Amino acid sequence: MSIAQSLLPEFDQECQTTRRVLERVPDDKFSYQPHPKSMAMGYLASHITEMIGWLKSMATEEGINFEGWKPFNAESNAALLAAFDENVKAGRAALAAATDEQLMSSWSLKNGDQTLMTMPKIGAIRVVAMNHVFHHRGQLSVYLRLNDIPVPSIYGPSADEGKM
């Protein structure tokens, strides 16, 4: 079994769960911020959506350069979910097509001429496109709770849903 084939079931499961959390973000709460140092709910959800989209780059390119980068910032839940679905589809296809050799080659995150990090593509996929996204999904679930929005099951039943 290839590295990509071993990772795809986890990717699929986590993306399904992430989508369920994103579905709960109401348009009228996009500006909600639990603390002045926290991201607004809509921006956090957009960040999750954008980062899952980086998986395609991680599997197929040598890196991403943030110079001149304009972050994705959805204006509605419908736009958020459409972008998420598109990014998941493209990322999954790129991952499924990647060879072990490709996944072991280097990928870099840059800001202009400054290299912020370099690691094997498989590491970048795990750390940035998956683990980091799922960390932010956890933050978003707290935002939902703080707004009395039912939290979906994530790794087991939630207080709002007794099922997974």
N, C-alpha and C. Protein backbone atom coordinates (compact mmCIF):
# COMPACT_ATOMS: atom_id res chain seq x y z
N MET A 1 0.86 -1.18 0.00
CA MET A 1 0.00 0.00 0.00
C MET A 1 0.90 1.24 0.00
N SER A 2 0.53 2.22 -0.80
CA SER A 2 1.31 3.46 -0.87
C SER A 2 1.01 4.35 0.34
N ILE A 3 1.87 5.32 0.53
CA ILE A 3 1.66 6.29 1.61
C ILE A 3 0.32 7.00 1.41
N ALA A 4 0.07 7.45 0.19
CA ALA A 4 -1.18 8.17 -0.10
C ALA A 4 -2.40 7.30 0.17
N GLN A 5 -2.36 6.06 -0.28
CA GLN A 5 -3.51 5.16 -0.07
C GLN A 5 -3.75 4.91 1.41
N SER A 6 -2.68 4.91 2.21
CA SER A 6 -2.86 4.70 3.65
C SER A 6 -3.44 5.94 4.34
N LEU A 7 -3.24 7.11 3.74
CA LEU A 7 -3.70 8.35 4.34
C LEU A 7 -5.12 8.75 3.92
N LEU A 8 -5.55 8.30 2.75
CA LEU A 8 -6.85 8.73 2.22
C LEU A 8 -8.05 8.42 3.11
N PRO A 9 -8.15 7.24 3.74
CA PRO A 9 -9.32 7.02 4.61
C PRO A 9 -9.41 8.03 5.77
N GLU A 10 -8.27 8.36 6.35
CA GLU A 10 -8.26 9.35 7.44
C GLU A 10 -8.66 10.72 6.89
N PHE A 11 -8.10 11.09 5.75
CA PHE A 11 -8.43 12.36 5.12
C PHE A 11 -9.93 12.45 4.86
N ASP A 12 -10.50 11.40 4.28
CA ASP A 12 -11.93 11.40 3.97
C ASP A 12 -12.78 11.56 5.24
N GLN A 13 -12.46 10.80 6.26
CA GLN A 13 -13.22 10.85 7.51
C GLN A 13 -13.12 12.22 8.16
N GLU A 14 -11.90 12.75 8.25
CA GLU A 14 -11.71 14.05 8.90
C GLU A 14 -12.37 15.18 8.11
N CYS A 15 -12.35 15.09 6.78
CA CYS A 15 -12.99 16.13 5.97
C CYS A 15 -14.51 16.07 6.10
N GLN A 16 -15.07 14.88 6.22
CA GLN A 16 -16.52 14.76 6.44
C GLN A 16 -16.90 15.42 7.77
N THR A 17 -16.10 15.15 8.79
CA THR A 17 -16.36 15.74 10.11
C THR A 17 -16.19 17.24 10.07
N THR A 18 -15.13 17.70 9.41
CA THR A 18 -14.88 19.14 9.31
C THR A 18 -16.03 19.83 8.59
N ARG A 19 -16.54 19.22 7.55
CA ARG A 19 -17.66 19.82 6.82
C ARG A 19 -18.89 19.95 7.72
N ARG A 20 -19.14 18.93 8.56
CA ARG A 20 -20.28 19.01 9.47
C ARG A 20 -20.15 20.21 10.42
N VAL A 21 -18.93 20.49 10.87
CA VAL A 21 -18.71 21.65 11.74
C VAL A 21 -18.92 22.93 10.95
N LEU A 22 -18.35 23.01 9.75
CA LEU A 22 -18.49 24.20 8.92
C LEU A 22 -19.96 24.49 8.56
N GLU A 23 -20.74 23.43 8.36
CA GLU A 23 -22.16 23.60 8.03
C GLU A 23 -22.91 24.40 9.10
N ARG A 24 -22.42 24.35 10.33
CA ARG A 24 -23.11 24.98 11.45
C ARG A 24 -22.83 26.47 11.58
N VAL A 25 -21.87 26.99 10.84
CA VAL A 25 -21.50 28.41 10.98
C VAL A 25 -22.55 29.28 10.28
N PRO A 26 -23.35 30.01 11.06
CA PRO A 26 -24.40 30.82 10.45
C PRO A 26 -23.85 32.13 9.88
N ASP A 27 -24.44 32.57 8.79
CA ASP A 27 -24.01 33.81 8.15
C ASP A 27 -23.99 34.99 9.13
N ASP A 28 -24.97 35.03 10.02
CA ASP A 28 -25.06 36.18 10.93
C ASP A 28 -24.06 36.12 12.09
N LYS A 29 -23.23 35.08 12.13
CA LYS A 29 -22.20 34.96 13.18
C LYS A 29 -20.79 35.03 12.62
N PHE A 30 -20.65 35.36 11.34
CA PHE A 30 -19.31 35.41 10.73
C PHE A 30 -18.40 36.41 11.45
N SER A 31 -18.95 37.46 12.01
CA SER A 31 -18.13 38.48 12.68
C SER A 31 -17.91 38.19 14.17
N TYR A 32 -18.52 37.13 14.70
CA TYR A 32 -18.37 36.81 16.13
C TYR A 32 -16.92 36.51 16.47
N GLN A 33 -16.44 37.12 17.56
CA GLN A 33 -15.10 36.91 18.07
C GLN A 33 -15.20 36.68 19.58
N PRO A 34 -14.75 35.54 20.09
CA PRO A 34 -14.86 35.30 21.53
C PRO A 34 -13.90 36.16 22.36
N HIS A 35 -12.88 36.70 21.73
CA HIS A 35 -11.87 37.50 22.41
C HIS A 35 -11.21 38.40 21.37
N PRO A 36 -10.75 39.59 21.75
CA PRO A 36 -10.13 40.48 20.77
C PRO A 36 -8.93 39.86 20.04
N LYS A 37 -8.24 38.92 20.68
CA LYS A 37 -7.09 38.28 20.05
C LYS A 37 -7.49 37.07 19.19
N SER A 38 -8.75 36.71 19.22
CA SER A 38 -9.24 35.56 18.46
C SER A 38 -9.66 35.97 17.06
N MET A 39 -9.59 35.01 16.13
CA MET A 39 -10.12 35.24 14.79
C MET A 39 -11.63 35.32 14.86
N ALA A 40 -12.22 36.06 13.95
CA ALA A 40 -13.68 36.06 13.82
C ALA A 40 -14.11 34.69 13.30
N MET A 41 -15.33 34.29 13.64
CA MET A 41 -15.81 32.96 13.27
C MET A 41 -15.74 32.72 11.76
N GLY A 42 -16.19 33.67 10.97
CA GLY A 42 -16.17 33.49 9.52
C GLY A 42 -14.76 33.38 8.98
N TYR A 43 -13.85 34.17 9.54
CA TYR A 43 -12.45 34.09 9.09
C TYR A 43 -11.82 32.76 9.50
N LEU A 44 -12.12 32.29 10.71
CA LEU A 44 -11.60 31.01 11.15
C LEU A 44 -12.10 29.88 10.25
N ALA A 45 -13.38 29.90 9.93
CA ALA A 45 -13.95 28.89 9.04
C ALA A 45 -13.32 28.99 7.64
N SER A 46 -13.08 30.21 7.19
CA SER A 46 -12.44 30.42 5.89
C SER A 46 -11.00 29.92 5.91
N HIS A 47 -10.30 30.14 7.00
CA HIS A 47 -8.92 29.68 7.16
C HIS A 47 -8.86 28.15 7.07
N ILE A 48 -9.78 27.49 7.73
CA ILE A 48 -9.87 26.03 7.65
C ILE A 48 -10.07 25.60 6.20
N THR A 49 -10.98 26.25 5.53
CA THR A 49 -11.30 25.93 4.14
C THR A 49 -10.09 26.15 3.24
N GLU A 50 -9.41 27.26 3.43
CA GLU A 50 -8.24 27.57 2.61
C GLU A 50 -7.11 26.57 2.87
N MET A 51 -6.85 26.27 4.13
CA MET A 51 -5.73 25.38 4.45
C MET A 51 -5.92 23.97 3.90
N ILE A 52 -7.15 23.47 3.89
CA ILE A 52 -7.36 22.13 3.32
C ILE A 52 -7.05 22.17 1.83
N GLY A 53 -7.23 23.34 1.22
CA GLY A 53 -6.91 23.52 -0.19
C GLY A 53 -5.42 23.50 -0.48
N TRP A 54 -4.60 23.75 0.51
CA TRP A 54 -3.14 23.71 0.31
C TRP A 54 -2.64 22.30 0.04
N LEU A 55 -3.44 21.30 0.37
CA LEU A 55 -3.00 19.92 0.15
C LEU A 55 -2.64 19.68 -1.31
N LYS A 56 -3.38 20.25 -2.22
CA LYS A 56 -3.07 20.07 -3.64
C LYS A 56 -1.66 20.56 -3.94
N SER A 57 -1.32 21.75 -3.46
CA SER A 57 0.02 22.29 -3.65
C SER A 57 1.07 21.40 -3.01
N MET A 58 0.77 20.92 -1.82
CA MET A 58 1.73 20.09 -1.11
C MET A 58 2.03 18.80 -1.86
N ALA A 59 1.04 18.26 -2.53
CA ALA A 59 1.24 17.01 -3.26
C ALA A 59 1.86 17.22 -4.63
N THR A 60 1.67 18.40 -5.22
CA THR A 60 2.06 18.56 -6.63
C THR A 60 3.12 19.63 -6.89
N GLU A 61 3.37 20.51 -5.95
CA GLU A 61 4.30 21.62 -6.19
C GLU A 61 5.44 21.58 -5.18
N GLU A 62 6.39 22.49 -5.34
CA GLU A 62 7.55 22.55 -4.44
C GLU A 62 7.30 23.44 -3.23
N GLY A 63 6.18 24.19 -3.24
CA GLY A 63 5.89 25.03 -2.09
C GLY A 63 4.84 26.08 -2.39
N ILE A 64 4.58 26.89 -1.38
CA ILE A 64 3.69 28.04 -1.46
C ILE A 64 4.48 29.25 -0.99
N ASN A 65 4.29 30.38 -1.67
CA ASN A 65 4.92 31.63 -1.27
C ASN A 65 3.82 32.62 -0.88
N PHE A 66 3.90 33.13 0.34
CA PHE A 66 2.88 34.04 0.85
C PHE A 66 3.04 35.48 0.37
N GLU A 67 4.12 35.77 -0.32
CA GLU A 67 4.32 37.13 -0.80
C GLU A 67 3.14 37.53 -1.68
N GLY A 68 2.45 38.60 -1.30
CA GLY A 68 1.29 39.05 -2.05
C GLY A 68 0.04 38.21 -1.82
N TRP A 69 0.08 37.30 -0.88
CA TRP A 69 -1.04 36.40 -0.60
C TRP A 69 -2.24 37.18 -0.09
N LYS A 70 -3.40 36.86 -0.60
CA LYS A 70 -4.65 37.42 -0.08
C LYS A 70 -5.46 36.26 0.47
N PRO A 71 -5.62 36.18 1.79
CA PRO A 71 -6.34 35.04 2.37
C PRO A 71 -7.78 34.95 1.88
N PHE A 72 -8.25 33.74 1.76
CA PHE A 72 -9.66 33.48 1.43
C PHE A 72 -10.50 33.93 2.60
N ASN A 73 -11.58 34.65 2.32
CA ASN A 73 -12.48 35.09 3.38
C ASN A 73 -13.91 35.02 2.85
N ALA A 74 -14.57 33.90 3.09
CA ALA A 74 -15.92 33.69 2.59
C ALA A 74 -16.87 34.73 3.17
N GLU A 75 -17.87 35.08 2.38
CA GLU A 75 -18.86 36.05 2.83
C GLU A 75 -20.17 35.39 3.26
N SER A 76 -20.28 34.08 3.03
CA SER A 76 -21.49 33.36 3.43
C SER A 76 -21.15 31.89 3.66
N ASN A 77 -22.04 31.21 4.35
CA ASN A 77 -21.83 29.79 4.58
C ASN A 77 -21.88 29.02 3.26
N ALA A 78 -22.75 29.43 2.35
CA ALA A 78 -22.83 28.75 1.06
C ALA A 78 -21.51 28.86 0.30
N ALA A 79 -20.90 30.03 0.31
CA ALA A 79 -19.61 30.23 -0.36
C ALA A 79 -18.52 29.43 0.34
N LEU A 80 -18.57 29.40 1.66
CA LEU A 80 -17.61 28.65 2.46
C LEU A 80 -17.66 27.17 2.10
N LEU A 81 -18.85 26.59 2.11
CA LEU A 81 -19.00 25.16 1.83
C LEU A 81 -18.64 24.82 0.39
N ALA A 82 -18.98 25.69 -0.54
CA ALA A 82 -18.62 25.44 -1.95
C ALA A 82 -17.11 25.41 -2.10
N ALA A 83 -16.41 26.35 -1.48
CA ALA A 83 -14.95 26.38 -1.55
C ALA A 83 -14.34 25.17 -0.84
N PHE A 84 -14.89 24.81 0.32
CA PHE A 84 -14.39 23.65 1.04
C PHE A 84 -14.52 22.39 0.19
N ASP A 85 -15.70 22.18 -0.38
CA ASP A 85 -15.92 20.99 -1.21
C ASP A 85 -14.95 20.94 -2.39
N GLU A 86 -14.75 22.08 -3.03
CA GLU A 86 -13.82 22.15 -4.17
C GLU A 86 -12.39 21.85 -3.72
N ASN A 87 -11.98 22.43 -2.59
CA ASN A 87 -10.62 22.20 -2.09
C ASN A 87 -10.40 20.76 -1.66
N VAL A 88 -11.39 20.17 -1.03
CA VAL A 88 -11.27 18.76 -0.63
C VAL A 88 -11.15 17.88 -1.86
N LYS A 89 -11.98 18.12 -2.84
CA LYS A 89 -11.95 17.31 -4.07
C LYS A 89 -10.59 17.41 -4.76
N ALA A 90 -10.08 18.62 -4.91
CA ALA A 90 -8.79 18.82 -5.58
C ALA A 90 -7.64 18.24 -4.76
N GLY A 91 -7.68 18.44 -3.45
CA GLY A 91 -6.63 17.90 -2.59
C GLY A 91 -6.63 16.39 -2.56
N ARG A 92 -7.81 15.81 -2.50
CA ARG A 92 -7.91 14.35 -2.47
C ARG A 92 -7.37 13.75 -3.77
N ALA A 93 -7.74 14.36 -4.89
CA ALA A 93 -7.28 13.85 -6.19
C ALA A 93 -5.76 13.95 -6.30
N ALA A 94 -5.20 15.06 -5.85
CA ALA A 94 -3.74 15.22 -5.90
C ALA A 94 -3.04 14.22 -4.99
N LEU A 95 -3.59 14.02 -3.81
CA LEU A 95 -3.01 13.04 -2.88
C LEU A 95 -3.11 11.63 -3.45
N ALA A 96 -4.26 11.28 -3.98
CA ALA A 96 -4.46 9.93 -4.52
C ALA A 96 -3.49 9.63 -5.67
N ALA A 97 -3.13 10.66 -6.42
CA ALA A 97 -2.23 10.47 -7.57
C ALA A 97 -0.76 10.53 -7.20
N ALA A 98 -0.44 10.96 -6.00
CA ALA A 98 0.96 11.14 -5.59
C ALA A 98 1.65 9.80 -5.32
N THR A 99 2.87 9.70 -5.80
CA THR A 99 3.67 8.51 -5.52
C THR A 99 4.41 8.69 -4.20
N ASP A 100 4.90 7.60 -3.64
CA ASP A 100 5.70 7.69 -2.42
C ASP A 100 6.92 8.58 -2.64
N GLU A 101 7.53 8.46 -3.79
CA GLU A 101 8.71 9.27 -4.09
C GLU A 101 8.36 10.76 -4.08
N GLN A 102 7.24 11.11 -4.69
CA GLN A 102 6.80 12.52 -4.69
C GLN A 102 6.53 13.00 -3.26
N LEU A 103 5.87 12.18 -2.46
CA LEU A 103 5.52 12.58 -1.10
C LEU A 103 6.73 12.71 -0.19
N MET A 104 7.84 12.07 -0.55
CA MET A 104 9.06 12.18 0.25
C MET A 104 9.96 13.33 -0.23
N SER A 105 9.60 13.99 -1.33
CA SER A 105 10.38 15.15 -1.78
C SER A 105 10.01 16.37 -0.94
N SER A 106 10.82 17.40 -1.02
CA SER A 106 10.66 18.58 -0.15
C SER A 106 9.57 19.53 -0.63
N TRP A 107 8.95 20.15 0.34
CA TRP A 107 7.95 21.19 0.13
C TRP A 107 8.30 22.33 1.09
N SER A 108 8.21 23.58 0.61
CA SER A 108 8.57 24.73 1.44
C SER A 108 7.45 25.74 1.51
N LEU A 109 7.35 26.37 2.64
CA LEU A 109 6.44 27.49 2.88
C LEU A 109 7.33 28.72 2.95
N LYS A 110 7.06 29.70 2.08
CA LYS A 110 7.91 30.88 2.00
C LYS A 110 7.09 32.16 2.12
N ASN A 111 7.78 33.21 2.49
CA ASN A 111 7.23 34.55 2.46
C ASN A 111 8.28 35.40 1.75
N GLY A 112 8.08 35.61 0.47
CA GLY A 112 9.10 36.28 -0.34
C GLY A 112 10.32 35.39 -0.44
N ASP A 113 11.48 35.95 -0.09
CA ASP A 113 12.73 35.20 -0.14
C ASP A 113 12.99 34.40 1.13
N GLN A 114 12.18 34.61 2.15
CA GLN A 114 12.37 33.93 3.43
C GLN A 114 11.66 32.58 3.44
N THR A 115 12.38 31.52 3.73
CA THR A 115 11.80 30.19 3.87
C THR A 115 11.36 30.01 5.32
N LEU A 116 10.08 29.81 5.52
CA LEU A 116 9.53 29.65 6.86
C LEU A 116 9.66 28.21 7.35
N MET A 117 9.54 27.27 6.42
CA MET A 117 9.72 25.85 6.77
C MET A 117 9.90 25.03 5.50
N THR A 118 10.64 23.96 5.64
CA THR A 118 10.81 22.98 4.57
C THR A 118 10.74 21.62 5.22
N MET A 119 9.98 20.73 4.62
CA MET A 119 9.88 19.35 5.12
C MET A 119 9.42 18.46 3.98
N PRO A 120 9.50 17.15 4.16
CA PRO A 120 8.94 16.27 3.13
C PRO A 120 7.46 16.59 2.94
N LYS A 121 6.99 16.47 1.71
CA LYS A 121 5.59 16.77 1.41
C LYS A 121 4.64 16.02 2.33
N ILE A 122 4.92 14.77 2.62
CA ILE A 122 4.01 14.01 3.48
C ILE A 122 3.93 14.64 4.87
N GLY A 123 5.04 15.19 5.36
CA GLY A 123 5.03 15.88 6.65
C GLY A 123 4.21 17.14 6.59
N ALA A 124 4.35 17.90 5.50
CA ALA A 124 3.57 19.13 5.34
C ALA A 124 2.08 18.80 5.27
N ILE A 125 1.75 17.74 4.55
CA ILE A 125 0.35 17.32 4.45
C ILE A 125 -0.21 16.99 5.82
N ARG A 126 0.55 16.22 6.59
CA ARG A 126 0.08 15.84 7.93
C ARG A 126 0.00 17.03 8.87
N VAL A 127 1.07 17.84 8.92
CA VAL A 127 1.16 18.92 9.90
C VAL A 127 0.26 20.10 9.53
N VAL A 128 0.30 20.54 8.29
CA VAL A 128 -0.40 21.76 7.90
C VAL A 128 -1.79 21.48 7.34
N ALA A 129 -1.88 20.62 6.35
CA ALA A 129 -3.17 20.41 5.67
C ALA A 129 -4.11 19.52 6.46
N MET A 130 -3.60 18.81 7.43
CA MET A 130 -4.50 17.97 8.22
C MET A 130 -4.49 18.40 9.69
N ASN A 131 -3.43 18.12 10.43
CA ASN A 131 -3.44 18.38 11.87
C ASN A 131 -3.77 19.83 12.22
N HIS A 132 -3.19 20.77 11.49
CA HIS A 132 -3.45 22.18 11.76
C HIS A 132 -4.91 22.54 11.48
N VAL A 133 -5.44 21.98 10.40
CA VAL A 133 -6.85 22.21 10.07
C VAL A 133 -7.75 21.66 11.17
N PHE A 134 -7.44 20.47 11.65
CA PHE A 134 -8.30 19.83 12.64
C PHE A 134 -8.17 20.52 14.00
N HIS A 135 -7.01 21.10 14.27
CA HIS A 135 -6.85 21.93 15.47
C HIS A 135 -7.81 23.13 15.39
N HIS A 136 -7.83 23.81 14.23
CA HIS A 136 -8.73 24.95 14.07
C HIS A 136 -10.20 24.52 14.07
N ARG A 137 -10.47 23.32 13.60
CA ARG A 137 -11.84 22.80 13.67
C ARG A 137 -12.29 22.71 15.13
N GLY A 138 -11.38 22.30 16.01
CA GLY A 138 -11.68 22.26 17.44
C GLY A 138 -11.99 23.64 17.99
N GLN A 139 -11.20 24.64 17.57
CA GLN A 139 -11.48 26.01 17.99
C GLN A 139 -12.88 26.43 17.52
N LEU A 140 -13.18 26.11 16.27
CA LEU A 140 -14.47 26.50 15.72
C LEU A 140 -15.62 25.83 16.47
N SER A 141 -15.42 24.61 16.93
CA SER A 141 -16.48 23.94 17.69
C SER A 141 -16.74 24.67 19.01
N VAL A 142 -15.71 25.25 19.59
CA VAL A 142 -15.90 26.05 20.81
C VAL A 142 -16.69 27.32 20.48
N TYR A 143 -16.39 27.96 19.37
CA TYR A 143 -17.14 29.14 18.95
C TYR A 143 -18.63 28.79 18.82
N LEU A 144 -18.90 27.62 18.23
CA LEU A 144 -20.30 27.19 18.10
C LEU A 144 -20.95 27.07 19.47
N ARG A 145 -20.26 26.39 20.39
CA ARG A 145 -20.79 26.19 21.73
C ARG A 145 -21.07 27.52 22.41
N LEU A 146 -20.15 28.47 22.28
CA LEU A 146 -20.30 29.78 22.92
C LEU A 146 -21.48 30.56 22.36
N ASN A 147 -21.96 30.17 21.19
CA ASN A 147 -23.11 30.83 20.56
C ASN A 147 -24.37 29.97 20.61
N ASP A 148 -24.35 28.94 21.45
CA ASP A 148 -25.50 28.04 21.59
C ASP A 148 -25.92 27.41 20.27
N ILE A 149 -24.95 27.15 19.41
CA ILE A 149 -25.18 26.46 18.15
C ILE A 149 -24.82 25.00 18.38
N PRO A 150 -25.69 24.07 18.09
CA PRO A 150 -25.41 22.67 18.36
C PRO A 150 -24.10 22.21 17.70
N VAL A 151 -23.26 21.57 18.50
CA VAL A 151 -21.97 21.07 18.03
C VAL A 151 -22.17 19.63 17.53
N PRO A 152 -21.73 19.35 16.30
CA PRO A 152 -21.88 17.98 15.79
C PRO A 152 -20.90 17.03 16.47
N SER A 153 -21.16 15.76 16.37
CA SER A 153 -20.20 14.79 16.88
C SER A 153 -18.92 14.93 16.07
N ILE A 154 -17.79 14.78 16.77
CA ILE A 154 -16.49 14.88 16.10
C ILE A 154 -15.75 13.57 16.28
N TYR A 155 -15.35 13.24 17.50
CA TYR A 155 -14.70 11.95 17.78
C TYR A 155 -15.53 11.14 18.76
N GLY A 156 -16.79 11.27 18.65
CA GLY A 156 -17.72 10.60 19.53
C GLY A 156 -18.91 11.52 19.73
N PRO A 157 -19.88 11.08 20.48
CA PRO A 157 -21.08 11.89 20.66
C PRO A 157 -20.75 13.26 21.28
N SER A 158 -21.47 14.27 20.84
CA SER A 158 -21.35 15.59 21.47
C SER A 158 -22.51 15.73 22.46
N ALA A 159 -22.49 16.80 23.22
CA ALA A 159 -23.59 17.06 24.15
C ALA A 159 -24.88 17.34 23.39
N ASP A 160 -24.75 17.69 22.11
CA ASP A 160 -25.92 18.02 21.30
C ASP A 160 -26.39 16.86 20.43
N GLU A 161 -25.49 16.00 20.09
CA GLU A 161 -25.81 14.85 19.22
C GLU A 161 -25.27 13.59 19.88
N GLY A 162 -26.12 12.70 20.18
CA GLY A 162 -25.71 11.45 20.81
C GLY A 162 -25.19 10.41 19.84
N LYS A 163 -24.97 10.84 18.60
CA LYS A 163 -24.49 9.89 17.59
C LYS A 163 -23.28 10.48 16.89
N MET A 164 -22.60 9.61 16.18
CA MET A 164 -21.45 10.06 15.39
C MET A 164 -21.82 10.22 13.95
